[in-house]
Protein backbone atom coordinates (compact mmCIF):
# COMPACT_ATOMS: atom_id res chain seq x y z
CA ARG A 1 -0.08 0.04 -0.04
CA ALA A 2 2.92 2.37 0.56
CA VAL A 3 4.16 1.93 -2.97
CA THR A 4 0.52 2.60 -4.28
CA ALA A 5 0.25 5.79 -2.09
CA MET A 6 3.61 7.04 -3.16
CA SER A 7 3.19 6.38 -6.89
CA GLY A 8 -0.34 7.76 -6.74
CA SER A 9 0.79 11.12 -5.66
CA LEU A 10 3.52 11.16 -8.16
CA LEU A 11 1.36 9.84 -11.20
CA ALA A 12 -1.93 11.72 -10.32
CA PRO A 13 -1.11 14.73 -12.23
CA LEU A 14 -0.30 12.58 -15.28
CA THR A 15 -3.95 11.51 -15.67
CA ASP A 16 -4.95 15.08 -16.16
CA ARG A 17 -2.27 15.79 -18.67
CA VAL A 18 -2.71 12.89 -21.06
CA ASP A 19 -5.61 11.14 -22.81
CA ARG A 20 -7.07 9.07 -20.08
CA ARG A 21 -8.25 6.23 -22.40
CA ARG A 22 -4.81 5.79 -23.78
CA LEU A 23 -3.17 5.95 -20.41
CA MET A 24 -5.42 3.22 -19.05
CA VAL A 25 -4.76 1.14 -22.05
CA ALA A 26 -1.02 1.71 -21.97
CA LEU A 27 -0.96 0.80 -18.24
CA ASP A 28 -2.94 -2.33 -18.80
CA LEU A 29 -0.68 -3.38 -21.54
CA ALA A 30 2.32 -2.72 -19.30
CA ARG A 31 0.84 -4.71 -16.56
CA ALA A 32 0.22 -7.63 -18.96
CA ALA A 33 3.92 -7.58 -20.17
CA LEU A 34 5.03 -7.33 -16.49
CA ALA A 35 2.99 -10.42 -15.75
CA ALA A 36 4.50 -12.26 -18.63
CA ALA A 37 8.06 -11.49 -17.44
CA PRO A 38 8.48 -14.05 -14.66
CA VAL A 39 6.63 -16.68 -16.87
CA ALA A 40 9.37 -16.12 -19.58
CA ALA A 41 12.19 -16.09 -17.19
CA ALA A 42 10.90 -19.36 -15.55
CA ALA A 43 10.68 -20.93 -19.03
CA HIS A 44 14.21 -20.14 -19.79
CA GLY A 45 15.16 -21.79 -16.46
CA ALA A 46 16.26 -18.39 -14.88
CA LEU A 47 13.84 -17.02 -12.32
CA PRO A 48 15.81 -14.89 -9.76
CA PRO A 49 13.90 -13.76 -6.77
CA TRP A 50 14.74 -10.16 -7.34
CA LEU A 51 12.67 -10.36 -10.58
CA LEU A 52 9.53 -11.29 -8.66
CA TYR A 53 9.93 -8.30 -6.45
CA ALA A 54 10.80 -5.86 -9.34
CA VAL A 55 7.60 -7.18 -11.14
CA LEU A 56 5.32 -6.74 -8.00
CA LEU A 57 6.84 -3.12 -7.57
CA ALA A 58 6.21 -2.16 -11.10
CA THR A 59 2.84 -3.72 -11.32
CA ALA A 60 1.74 -1.73 -8.09
CA VAL A 61 2.92 1.41 -9.80
CA CYS A 62 0.97 0.72 -12.93
CA THR A 63 -2.07 -0.17 -11.05
CA THR A 64 -2.37 3.28 -9.14
CA PRO A 65 -3.49 5.78 -12.04
CA PRO A 66 -6.48 3.79 -13.62
CA PRO A 67 -8.95 4.34 -10.56
CA ALA A 68 -8.28 8.08 -10.71
CA SER A 69 -8.64 8.10 -14.49
CA ARG A 70 -12.01 6.50 -14.30
CA LYS A 71 -13.24 9.00 -11.78
CA ALA A 72 -11.81 12.02 -13.37
CA PRO A 73 -14.34 12.56 -16.10
CA THR A 74 -17.09 13.28 -13.60
CA ASN A 75 -15.58 16.69 -13.22
CA VAL A 76 -16.09 17.24 -16.92
CA LEU A 77 -19.62 16.03 -16.95
CA ILE A 78 -20.89 17.96 -13.97
CA SER A 79 -20.92 21.81 -14.19
CA SER A 80 -19.33 23.69 -11.29
CA SER A 81 -22.63 25.00 -9.86
CA VAL A 82 -24.20 21.56 -9.85
CA ALA A 83 -21.03 20.13 -8.17
CA LEU A 84 -21.05 22.86 -5.53
CA ARG A 85 -24.68 22.24 -4.85
CA LEU A 86 -24.07 18.41 -4.64
CA ALA A 87 -21.02 18.82 -2.42
CA THR A 88 -22.36 21.27 0.08
CA GLY A 89 -26.21 20.79 -0.20
CA LEU A 90 -26.52 24.62 -0.59
CA PRO A 91 -28.17 26.37 -3.46
CA ALA A 92 -25.54 27.64 -6.04
């Protein structure tokens, strides 16, 4: 969880600066490639323990931005007056 929290604070601005859909697809492809790395290493007979830790760390970093990217379009869909009214319960 610590890795996710740290990478989330570093990668959260990235979700606002790039196309969200492309970011989510790229991160999903990266996670798939990372999941295949230990399998490929084991198939060649060389699976060092550090590789498992590195894949786990990289997968945790790649998992962080997609939830924020899925929630981010809500700000675009709701106008600021509606969001203010929903958030505070006060008329805008």
